[in-house]
Amino acid sequence: IGLSQRKVEDLLGAPVFRRRDPPAQLWQYSSPRCIFDLFLYRTKALPEYRVTHVEARGRTNGNIPLRECFHSLAFKQKS
């Protein structure tokens, strides 16, 4: 939460899906285990988009811990 677009891309690379609905953006990353959604918003006070909310869902089961999904993405990006 709070990361800028640049920091997210430095950490995870480019999203596999991006939807723009000003003032929001949805960035989606995926691994064989899960889908990780990042919701970025900008405001007058913070003109750069920043992560305000994250969600994760398993590919076969709707529930997966955020940390577990994130680690599967981080591992995927390093390989």
C-alpha atoms as a PDB file:
ATOM      1  CA  ILE A   1       0.000   0.000   0.000  1.00  0.00           C
ATOM      2  CA  GLY A   2       1.320   3.434  -0.922  1.00  0.00           C
ATOM      3  CA  LEU A   3       3.773   2.346  -3.623  1.00  0.00           C
ATOM      4  CA  SER A   4       3.986   4.432  -6.782  1.00  0.00           C
ATOM      5  CA  GLN A   5       3.560   2.946 -10.245  1.00  0.00           C
ATOM      6  CA  ARG A   6       7.309   3.032 -10.770  1.00  0.00           C
ATOM      7  CA  LYS A   7       8.023   1.174  -7.514  1.00  0.00           C
ATOM      8  CA  VAL A   8       5.469  -1.517  -8.376  1.00  0.00           C
ATOM      9  CA  GLU A   9       6.995  -2.049 -11.808  1.00  0.00           C
ATOM     10  CA  ASP A  10      10.493  -2.144 -10.301  1.00  0.00           C
ATOM     11  CA  LEU A  11       9.293  -4.855  -7.921  1.00  0.00           C
ATOM     12  CA  LEU A  12       6.979  -6.953 -10.122  1.00  0.00           C
ATOM     13  CA  GLY A  13       7.563  -5.839 -13.693  1.00  0.00           C
ATOM     14  CA  ALA A  14       4.788  -4.834 -16.074  1.00  0.00           C
ATOM     15  CA  PRO A  15       1.297  -6.069 -15.211  1.00  0.00           C
ATOM     16  CA  VAL A  16      -0.286  -8.724 -17.427  1.00  0.00           C
ATOM     17  CA  PHE A  17      -3.479  -6.656 -17.496  1.00  0.00           C
ATOM     18  CA  ARG A  18      -4.086  -2.963 -16.919  1.00  0.00           C
ATOM     19  CA  ARG A  19      -7.419  -1.155 -16.864  1.00  0.00           C
ATOM     20  CA  ARG A  20      -7.687   2.621 -16.619  1.00  0.00           C
ATOM     21  CA  ASP A  21     -10.825   4.132 -15.106  1.00  0.00           C
ATOM     22  CA  PRO A  22      -9.770   7.619 -13.956  1.00  0.00           C
ATOM     23  CA  PRO A  23      -9.079   8.418 -11.205  1.00  0.00           C
ATOM     24  CA  ALA A  24      -8.289   4.695 -10.722  1.00  0.00           C
ATOM     25  CA  GLN A  25      -6.224   2.013 -12.393  1.00  0.00           C
ATOM     26  CA  LEU A  26      -6.384  -1.747 -11.906  1.00  0.00           C
ATOM     27  CA  TRP A  27      -3.143  -3.640 -12.413  1.00  0.00           C
ATOM     28  CA  GLN A  28      -3.253  -7.416 -12.503  1.00  0.00           C
ATOM     29  CA  TYR A  29      -0.417  -9.875 -12.067  1.00  0.00           C
ATOM     30  CA  SER A  30      -0.706 -13.642 -12.240  1.00  0.00           C
ATOM     31  CA  SER A  31       1.155 -16.784 -11.349  1.00  0.00           C
ATOM     32  CA  PRO A  32       0.168 -20.426 -11.732  1.00  0.00           C
ATOM     33  CA  ARG A  33      -1.250 -20.227  -8.173  1.00  0.00           C
ATOM     34  CA  CYS A  34      -3.142 -16.933  -8.122  1.00  0.00           C
ATOM     35  CA  ILE A  35      -4.199 -13.591  -9.514  1.00  0.00           C
ATOM     36  CA  PHE A  36      -3.042 -10.463  -7.696  1.00  0.00           C
ATOM     37  CA  ASP A  37      -4.967  -7.220  -8.216  1.00  0.00           C
ATOM     38  CA  LEU A  38      -3.540  -3.809  -7.360  1.00  0.00           C
ATOM     39  CA  PHE A  39      -5.818  -0.787  -7.247  1.00  0.00           C
ATOM     40  CA  LEU A  40      -4.031   2.515  -7.821  1.00  0.00           C
ATOM     41  CA  TYR A  41      -5.544   5.958  -7.356  1.00  0.00           C
ATOM     42  CA  ARG A  42      -4.372   9.489  -7.728  1.00  0.00           C
ATOM     43  CA  THR A  43      -5.670  12.591  -6.074  1.00  0.00           C
ATOM     44  CA  LYS A  44      -5.052  16.306  -6.315  1.00  0.00           C
ATOM     45  CA  ALA A  45      -2.698  15.990  -3.352  1.00  0.00           C
ATOM     46  CA  LEU A  46      -0.856  13.007  -4.905  1.00  0.00           C
ATOM     47  CA  PRO A  47      -0.939  13.372  -8.707  1.00  0.00           C
ATOM     48  CA  GLU A  48       1.047  10.149  -9.211  1.00  0.00           C
ATOM     49  CA  TYR A  49      -0.933   6.913  -9.075  1.00  0.00           C
ATOM     50  CA  ARG A  50      -0.324   4.961  -5.863  1.00  0.00           C
ATOM     51  CA  VAL A  51      -1.480   1.563  -4.606  1.00  0.00           C
ATOM     52  CA  THR A  52      -4.426   1.960  -2.255  1.00  0.00           C
ATOM     53  CA  HIS A  53      -5.801  -1.595  -2.149  1.00  0.00           C
ATOM     54  CA  VAL A  54      -4.714  -5.140  -3.053  1.00  0.00           C
ATOM     55  CA  GLU A  55      -6.635  -8.381  -3.501  1.00  0.00           C
ATOM     56  CA  ALA A  56      -5.606 -11.945  -4.258  1.00  0.00           C
ATOM     57  CA  ARG A  57      -7.572 -14.934  -5.461  1.00  0.00           C
ATOM     58  CA  GLY A  58      -6.522 -18.465  -6.135  1.00  0.00           C
ATOM     59  CA  ARG A  59      -6.845 -20.013  -9.545  1.00  0.00           C
ATOM     60  CA  THR A  60      -8.770 -23.035  -8.256  1.00  0.00           C
ATOM     61  CA  ASN A  61     -10.097 -21.647  -4.978  1.00  0.00           C
ATOM     62  CA  GLY A  62     -11.288 -18.099  -4.433  1.00  0.00           C
ATOM     63  CA  ASN A  63      -9.276 -17.677  -1.226  1.00  0.00           C
ATOM     64  CA  ILE A  64      -5.516 -17.397  -0.975  1.00  0.00           C
ATOM     65  CA  PRO A  65      -3.520 -15.355   1.534  1.00  0.00           C
ATOM     66  CA  LEU A  66      -2.140 -12.128   0.058  1.00  0.00           C
ATOM     67  CA  ARG A  67       1.365 -12.931   1.228  1.00  0.00           C
ATOM     68  CA  GLU A  68       1.311 -16.373  -0.382  1.00  0.00           C
ATOM     69  CA  CYS A  69       0.111 -14.951  -3.694  1.00  0.00           C
ATOM     70  CA  PHE A  70       2.656 -12.130  -3.583  1.00  0.00           C
ATOM     71  CA  HIS A  71       5.518 -14.560  -2.940  1.00  0.00           C
ATOM     72  CA  SER A  72       4.456 -16.672  -5.903  1.00  0.00           C
ATOM     73  CA  LEU A  73       4.674 -13.519  -8.040  1.00  0.00           C
ATOM     74  CA  ALA A  74       8.032 -12.461  -6.629  1.00  0.00           C
ATOM     75  CA  PHE A  75       9.434 -15.938  -7.275  1.00  0.00           C
ATOM     76  CA  LYS A  76       8.028 -15.929 -10.796  1.00  0.00           C
ATOM     77  CA  GLN A  77       9.630 -12.568 -11.592  1.00  0.00           C
ATOM     78  CA  LYS A  78      13.076 -13.764 -10.458  1.00  0.00           C
ATOM     79  CA  SER A  79      13.054 -16.884 -12.645  1.00  0.00           C
END
